[in-house]
Every structure is written in structure tokens, then in C-alpha cells.
């Protein structure tokens, strides 16, 4: 996992959307989506729940 992946996850969690976080980071939505997806695949966890046209919610993982 790269530092940029962690920054992407934090930005999405803070902004509540891929669109707003991509703008804040100066990246495209697709690039940011790929970064988040790579972390999800690498960890085997779904980090966000997507509600189209509303927002993204950070998934709480119980350990």
C-alpha cells in the first residue's frame, strides 16, 4: 500500500464523495476510484458503501 492510497482514503472519508475528494487532491475521479479499489482488494475489505448521487459512507470494521 502506498502513501497516496492512504491519502486517497482519508480524503474520500473526509469529503464524503469521490468527486469532491478528487477535486481536493487534484486527481480524476477514475484515478481516485482505482486507488481506493486497490486498497480494498489488497486488504480484502470494503472500505466504503456507495449510495449513487448521495454520498459514500466509510464502513466500520469490527475486530
PDB file of N, CA and C in Angstrom:
ATOM      1  N   UNK A   1       0.843  -1.166   0.000  1.00  0.00           N
ATOM      2  CA  UNK A   1       0.000   0.000   0.000  1.00  0.00           C
ATOM      3  C   UNK A   1       0.895   1.238   0.000  1.00  0.00           C
ATOM      4  N   UNK A   2       0.543   2.194  -0.825  1.00  0.00           N
ATOM      5  CA  UNK A   2       1.327   3.416  -0.957  1.00  0.00           C
ATOM      6  C   UNK A   2       0.723   4.538  -0.107  1.00  0.00           C
ATOM      7  N   UNK A   3       1.547   5.513   0.207  1.00  0.00           N
ATOM      8  CA  UNK A   3       1.078   6.675   0.947  1.00  0.00           C
ATOM      9  C   UNK A   3      -0.068   7.364   0.207  1.00  0.00           C
ATOM     10  N   UNK A   4       0.009   7.423  -1.108  1.00  0.00           N
ATOM     11  CA  UNK A   4      -1.046   8.069  -1.895  1.00  0.00           C
ATOM     12  C   UNK A   4      -2.383   7.354  -1.739  1.00  0.00           C
ATOM     13  N   UNK A   5      -2.340   6.032  -1.516  1.00  0.00           N
ATOM     14  CA  UNK A   5      -3.573   5.268  -1.294  1.00  0.00           C
ATOM     15  C   UNK A   5      -4.215   5.671   0.035  1.00  0.00           C
ATOM     16  N   UNK A   6      -3.397   5.822   1.050  1.00  0.00           N
ATOM     17  CA  UNK A   6      -3.905   6.231   2.358  1.00  0.00           C
ATOM     18  C   UNK A   6      -4.466   7.643   2.283  1.00  0.00           C
ATOM     19  N   UNK A   7      -3.765   8.525   1.588  1.00  0.00           N
ATOM     20  CA  UNK A   7      -4.244   9.896   1.424  1.00  0.00           C
ATOM     21  C   UNK A   7      -5.583   9.914   0.687  1.00  0.00           C
ATOM     22  N   UNK A   8      -5.733   9.047  -0.301  1.00  0.00           N
ATOM     23  CA  UNK A   8      -6.981   8.963  -1.055  1.00  0.00           C
ATOM     24  C   UNK A   8      -8.125   8.521  -0.152  1.00  0.00           C
ATOM     25  N   UNK A   9      -7.893   7.507   0.677  1.00  0.00           N
ATOM     26  CA  UNK A   9      -8.933   7.004   1.574  1.00  0.00           C
ATOM     27  C   UNK A   9      -9.337   8.077   2.578  1.00  0.00           C
ATOM     28  N   UNK A  10      -8.365   8.758   3.149  1.00  0.00           N
ATOM     29  CA  UNK A  10      -8.661   9.824   4.111  1.00  0.00           C
ATOM     30  C   UNK A  10      -9.431  10.954   3.433  1.00  0.00           C
ATOM     31  N   UNK A  11      -9.040  11.318   2.228  1.00  0.00           N
ATOM     32  CA  UNK A  11      -9.722  12.393   1.508  1.00  0.00           C
ATOM     33  C   UNK A  11     -11.176  12.027   1.203  1.00  0.00           C
ATOM     34  N   UNK A  12     -11.411  10.790   0.783  1.00  0.00           N
ATOM     35  CA  UNK A  12     -12.780  10.351   0.484  1.00  0.00           C
ATOM     36  C   UNK A  12     -13.605  10.320   1.765  1.00  0.00           C
ATOM     37  N   UNK A  13     -13.031   9.825   2.843  1.00  0.00           N
ATOM     38  CA  UNK A  13     -13.753   9.772   4.117  1.00  0.00           C
ATOM     39  C   UNK A  13     -14.089  11.186   4.598  1.00  0.00           C
ATOM     40  N   UNK A  14     -13.151  12.113   4.456  1.00  0.00           N
ATOM     41  CA  UNK A  14     -13.389  13.497   4.886  1.00  0.00           C
ATOM     42  C   UNK A  14     -14.430  14.199   4.020  1.00  0.00           C
ATOM     43  N   UNK A  15     -14.316  14.025   2.709  1.00  0.00           N
ATOM     44  CA  UNK A  15     -15.199  14.733   1.774  1.00  0.00           C
ATOM     45  C   UNK A  15     -16.563  14.065   1.642  1.00  0.00           C
ATOM     46  N   UNK A  16     -16.606  12.756   1.840  1.00  0.00           N
ATOM     47  CA  UNK A  16     -17.861  12.035   1.705  1.00  0.00           C
ATOM     48  C   UNK A  16     -18.223  11.699   0.273  1.00  0.00           C
ATOM     49  N   UNK A  17     -17.320  12.015  -0.656  1.00  0.00           N
ATOM     50  CA  UNK A  17     -17.574  11.667  -2.054  1.00  0.00           C
ATOM     51  C   UNK A  17     -16.262  11.574  -2.823  1.00  0.00           C
ATOM     52  N   UNK A  18     -16.280  10.744  -3.837  1.00  0.00           N
ATOM     53  CA  UNK A  18     -15.113  10.617  -4.708  1.00  0.00           C
ATOM     54  C   UNK A  18     -14.905  11.918  -5.477  1.00  0.00           C
ATOM     55  N   UNK A  19     -15.992  12.503  -5.942  1.00  0.00           N
ATOM     56  CA  UNK A  19     -15.918  13.726  -6.752  1.00  0.00           C
ATOM     57  C   UNK A  19     -15.218  14.856  -5.996  1.00  0.00           C
ATOM     58  N   UNK A  20     -15.690  15.137  -4.793  1.00  0.00           N
ATOM     59  CA  UNK A  20     -15.110  16.240  -4.026  1.00  0.00           C
ATOM     60  C   UNK A  20     -13.675  15.957  -3.597  1.00  0.00           C
ATOM     61  N   UNK A  21     -13.407  14.722  -3.224  1.00  0.00           N
ATOM     62  CA  UNK A  21     -12.044  14.399  -2.809  1.00  0.00           C
ATOM     63  C   UNK A  21     -11.083  14.424  -3.990  1.00  0.00           C
ATOM     64  N   UNK A  22     -11.534  14.009  -5.170  1.00  0.00           N
ATOM     65  CA  UNK A  22     -10.687  14.071  -6.361  1.00  0.00           C
ATOM     66  C   UNK A  22     -10.323  15.520  -6.681  1.00  0.00           C
ATOM     67  N   UNK A  23     -11.294  16.405  -6.571  1.00  0.00           N
ATOM     68  CA  UNK A  23     -11.023  17.830  -6.814  1.00  0.00           C
ATOM     69  C   UNK A  23     -10.020  18.363  -5.796  1.00  0.00           C
ATOM     70  N   UNK A  24     -10.199  17.993  -4.536  1.00  0.00           N
ATOM     71  CA  UNK A  24      -9.302  18.473  -3.482  1.00  0.00           C
ATOM     72  C   UNK A  24      -7.870  17.979  -3.674  1.00  0.00           C
ATOM     73  N   UNK A  25      -7.739  16.749  -4.195  1.00  0.00           N
ATOM     74  CA  UNK A  25      -6.406  16.179  -4.402  1.00  0.00           C
ATOM     75  C   UNK A  25      -5.818  16.503  -5.774  1.00  0.00           C
ATOM     76  N   UNK A  26      -6.637  17.104  -6.644  1.00  0.00           N
ATOM     77  CA  UNK A  26      -6.166  17.428  -7.993  1.00  0.00           C
ATOM     78  C   UNK A  26      -6.025  16.198  -8.871  1.00  0.00           C
ATOM     79  N   UNK A  27      -6.888  15.204  -8.649  1.00  0.00           N
ATOM     80  CA  UNK A  27      -6.856  13.971  -9.435  1.00  0.00           C
ATOM     81  C   UNK A  27      -8.208  13.764 -10.113  1.00  0.00           C
ATOM     82  N   UNK A  28      -8.235  12.823 -11.031  1.00  0.00           N
ATOM     83  CA  UNK A  28      -9.502  12.482 -11.666  1.00  0.00           C
ATOM     84  C   UNK A  28     -10.269  11.509 -10.768  1.00  0.00           C
ATOM     85  N   UNK A  29     -11.578  11.450 -10.974  1.00  0.00           N
ATOM     86  CA  UNK A  29     -12.397  10.525 -10.208  1.00  0.00           C
ATOM     87  C   UNK A  29     -11.966   9.078 -10.450  1.00  0.00           C
ATOM     88  N   UNK A  30     -11.664   8.768 -11.704  1.00  0.00           N
ATOM     89  CA  UNK A  30     -11.289   7.388 -12.025  1.00  0.00           C
ATOM     90  C   UNK A  30      -9.971   6.997 -11.359  1.00  0.00           C
ATOM     91  N   UNK A  31      -9.011   7.913 -11.306  1.00  0.00           N
ATOM     92  CA  UNK A  31      -7.730   7.617 -10.656  1.00  0.00           C
ATOM     93  C   UNK A  31      -7.921   7.387  -9.165  1.00  0.00           C
ATOM     94  N   UNK A  32      -8.757   8.199  -8.558  1.00  0.00           N
ATOM     95  CA  UNK A  32      -9.015   8.060  -7.129  1.00  0.00           C
ATOM     96  C   UNK A  32      -9.784   6.775  -6.832  1.00  0.00           C
ATOM     97  N   UNK A  33     -10.745   6.457  -7.673  1.00  0.00           N
ATOM     98  CA  UNK A  33     -11.506   5.220  -7.522  1.00  0.00           C
ATOM     99  C   UNK A  33     -10.586   4.010  -7.611  1.00  0.00           C
ATOM    100  N   UNK A  34      -9.649   4.032  -8.546  1.00  0.00           N
ATOM    101  CA  UNK A  34      -8.705   2.929  -8.692  1.00  0.00           C
ATOM    102  C   UNK A  34      -7.840   2.758  -7.447  1.00  0.00           C
ATOM    103  N   UNK A  35      -7.403   3.867  -6.873  1.00  0.00           N
ATOM    104  CA  UNK A  35      -6.568   3.799  -5.674  1.00  0.00           C
ATOM    105  C   UNK A  35      -7.332   3.185  -4.510  1.00  0.00           C
ATOM    106  N   UNK A  36      -8.570   3.635  -4.320  1.00  0.00           N
ATOM    107  CA  UNK A  36      -9.390   3.091  -3.238  1.00  0.00           C
ATOM    108  C   UNK A  36      -9.655   1.610  -3.489  1.00  0.00           C
ATOM    109  N   UNK A  37      -9.971   1.266  -4.714  1.00  0.00           N
ATOM    110  CA  UNK A  37     -10.255  -0.131  -5.059  1.00  0.00           C
ATOM    111  C   UNK A  37      -9.032  -1.020  -4.831  1.00  0.00           C
ATOM    112  N   UNK A  38      -7.837  -0.519  -5.145  1.00  0.00           N
ATOM    113  CA  UNK A  38      -6.616  -1.293  -4.923  1.00  0.00           C
ATOM    114  C   UNK A  38      -6.434  -1.625  -3.446  1.00  0.00           C
ATOM    115  N   UNK A  39      -6.721  -0.662  -2.586  1.00  0.00           N
ATOM    116  CA  UNK A  39      -6.610  -0.910  -1.144  1.00  0.00           C
ATOM    117  C   UNK A  39      -7.665  -1.920  -0.703  1.00  0.00           C
ATOM    118  N   UNK A  40      -8.879  -1.797  -1.232  1.00  0.00           N
ATOM    119  CA  UNK A  40      -9.932  -2.751  -0.883  1.00  0.00           C
ATOM    120  C   UNK A  40      -9.542  -4.171  -1.291  1.00  0.00           C
ATOM    121  N   UNK A  41      -8.974  -4.319  -2.470  1.00  0.00           N
ATOM    122  CA  UNK A  41      -8.550  -5.640  -2.950  1.00  0.00           C
ATOM    123  C   UNK A  41      -7.386  -6.158  -2.104  1.00  0.00           C
ATOM    124  N   UNK A  42      -6.437  -5.292  -1.832  1.00  0.00           N
ATOM    125  CA  UNK A  42      -5.253  -5.692  -1.067  1.00  0.00           C
ATOM    126  C   UNK A  42      -5.605  -6.118   0.354  1.00  0.00           C
ATOM    127  N   UNK A  43      -6.550  -5.419   0.971  1.00  0.00           N
ATOM    128  CA  UNK A  43      -6.917  -5.726   2.354  1.00  0.00           C
ATOM    129  C   UNK A  43      -8.054  -6.736   2.452  1.00  0.00           C
ATOM    130  N   UNK A  44      -8.777  -6.919   1.353  1.00  0.00           N
ATOM    131  CA  UNK A  44      -9.924  -7.818   1.375  1.00  0.00           C
ATOM    132  C   UNK A  44     -11.128  -7.228   2.083  1.00  0.00           C
ATOM    133  N   UNK A  45     -11.130  -5.902   2.224  1.00  0.00           N
ATOM    134  CA  UNK A  45     -12.203  -5.209   2.931  1.00  0.00           C
ATOM    135  C   UNK A  45     -12.898  -4.206   2.026  1.00  0.00           C
ATOM    136  N   UNK A  46     -14.200  -4.067   2.213  1.00  0.00           N
ATOM    137  CA  UNK A  46     -14.936  -2.987   1.549  1.00  0.00           C
ATOM    138  C   UNK A  46     -14.827  -1.772   2.457  1.00  0.00           C
ATOM    139  N   UNK A  47     -14.167  -0.718   2.003  1.00  0.00           N
ATOM    140  CA  UNK A  47     -13.932   0.447   2.850  1.00  0.00           C
ATOM    141  C   UNK A  47     -15.083   1.439   2.818  1.00  0.00           C
ATOM    142  N   UNK A  48     -15.793   1.489   1.716  1.00  0.00           N
ATOM    143  CA  UNK A  48     -16.880   2.448   1.571  1.00  0.00           C
ATOM    144  C   UNK A  48     -18.113   1.763   1.010  1.00  0.00           C
ATOM    145  N   UNK A  49     -19.260   2.286   1.374  1.00  0.00           N
ATOM    146  CA  UNK A  49     -20.525   1.859   0.797  1.00  0.00           C
ATOM    147  C   UNK A  49     -20.992   3.005  -0.083  1.00  0.00           C
ATOM    148  N   UNK A  50     -21.284   2.713  -1.323  1.00  0.00           N
ATOM    149  CA  UNK A  50     -21.649   3.754  -2.281  1.00  0.00           C
ATOM    150  C   UNK A  50     -23.164   3.871  -2.389  1.00  0.00           C
ATOM    151  N   UNK A  51     -23.649   5.073  -2.230  1.00  0.00           N
ATOM    152  CA  UNK A  51     -25.046   5.398  -2.468  1.00  0.00           C
ATOM    153  C   UNK A  51     -25.060   6.382  -3.628  1.00  0.00           C
ATOM    154  N   UNK A  52     -25.374   5.914  -4.845  1.00  0.00           N
ATOM    155  CA  UNK A  52     -25.315   6.786  -6.025  1.00  0.00           C
ATOM    156  C   UNK A  52     -26.063   8.098  -5.821  1.00  0.00           C
ATOM    157  N   UNK A  53     -25.405   9.155  -6.227  1.00  0.00           N
ATOM    158  CA  UNK A  53     -25.963  10.516  -6.172  1.00  0.00           C
ATOM    159  C   UNK A  53     -26.178  11.028  -4.757  1.00  0.00           C
ATOM    160  N   UNK A  54     -25.686  10.318  -3.749  1.00  0.00           N
ATOM    161  CA  UNK A  54     -25.866  10.810  -2.381  1.00  0.00           C
ATOM    162  C   UNK A  54     -24.504  11.019  -1.727  1.00  0.00           C
ATOM    163  N   UNK A  55     -23.855   9.927  -1.355  1.00  0.00           N
ATOM    164  CA  UNK A  55     -22.586  10.053  -0.643  1.00  0.00           C
ATOM    165  C   UNK A  55     -21.931   8.684  -0.506  1.00  0.00           C
ATOM    166  N   UNK A  56     -20.718   8.704  -0.040  1.00  0.00           N
ATOM    167  CA  UNK A  56     -20.007   7.473   0.307  1.00  0.00           C
ATOM    168  C   UNK A  56     -19.905   7.424   1.820  1.00  0.00           C
ATOM    169  N   UNK A  57     -20.129   6.261   2.370  1.00  0.00           N
ATOM    170  CA  UNK A  57     -20.029   6.087   3.811  1.00  0.00           C
ATOM    171  C   UNK A  57     -18.874   5.154   4.123  1.00  0.00           C
ATOM    172  N   UNK A  58     -18.076   5.548   5.066  1.00  0.00           N
ATOM    173  CA  UNK A  58     -16.961   4.724   5.500  1.00  0.00           C
ATOM    174  C   UNK A  58     -17.508   3.532   6.270  1.00  0.00           C
ATOM    175  N   UNK A  59     -17.089   2.340   5.903  1.00  0.00           N
ATOM    176  CA  UNK A  59     -17.541   1.128   6.558  1.00  0.00           C
ATOM    177  C   UNK A  59     -16.735   0.918   7.830  1.00  0.00           C
ATOM    178  N   UNK A  60     -17.431   0.655   8.922  1.00  0.00           N
ATOM    179  CA  UNK A  60     -16.738   0.360  10.168  1.00  0.00           C
ATOM    180  C   UNK A  60     -16.441  -1.131  10.210  1.00  0.00           C
ATOM    181  N   UNK A  61     -15.213  -1.453  10.458  1.00  0.00           N
ATOM    182  CA  UNK A  61     -14.797  -2.843  10.523  1.00  0.00           C
ATOM    183  C   UNK A  61     -14.630  -3.208  11.994  1.00  0.00           C
ATOM    184  N   UNK A  62     -15.394  -4.214  12.401  1.00  0.00           N
ATOM    185  CA  UNK A  62     -15.303  -4.668  13.782  1.00  0.00           C
ATOM    186  C   UNK A  62     -14.203  -5.715  13.888  1.00  0.00           C
ATOM    187  N   UNK A  63     -13.324  -5.541  14.856  1.00  0.00           N
ATOM    188  CA  UNK A  63     -12.265  -6.519  15.073  1.00  0.00           C
ATOM    189  C   UNK A  63     -12.352  -7.096  16.453  1.00  0.00           C
TER     190      UNK A  63
END
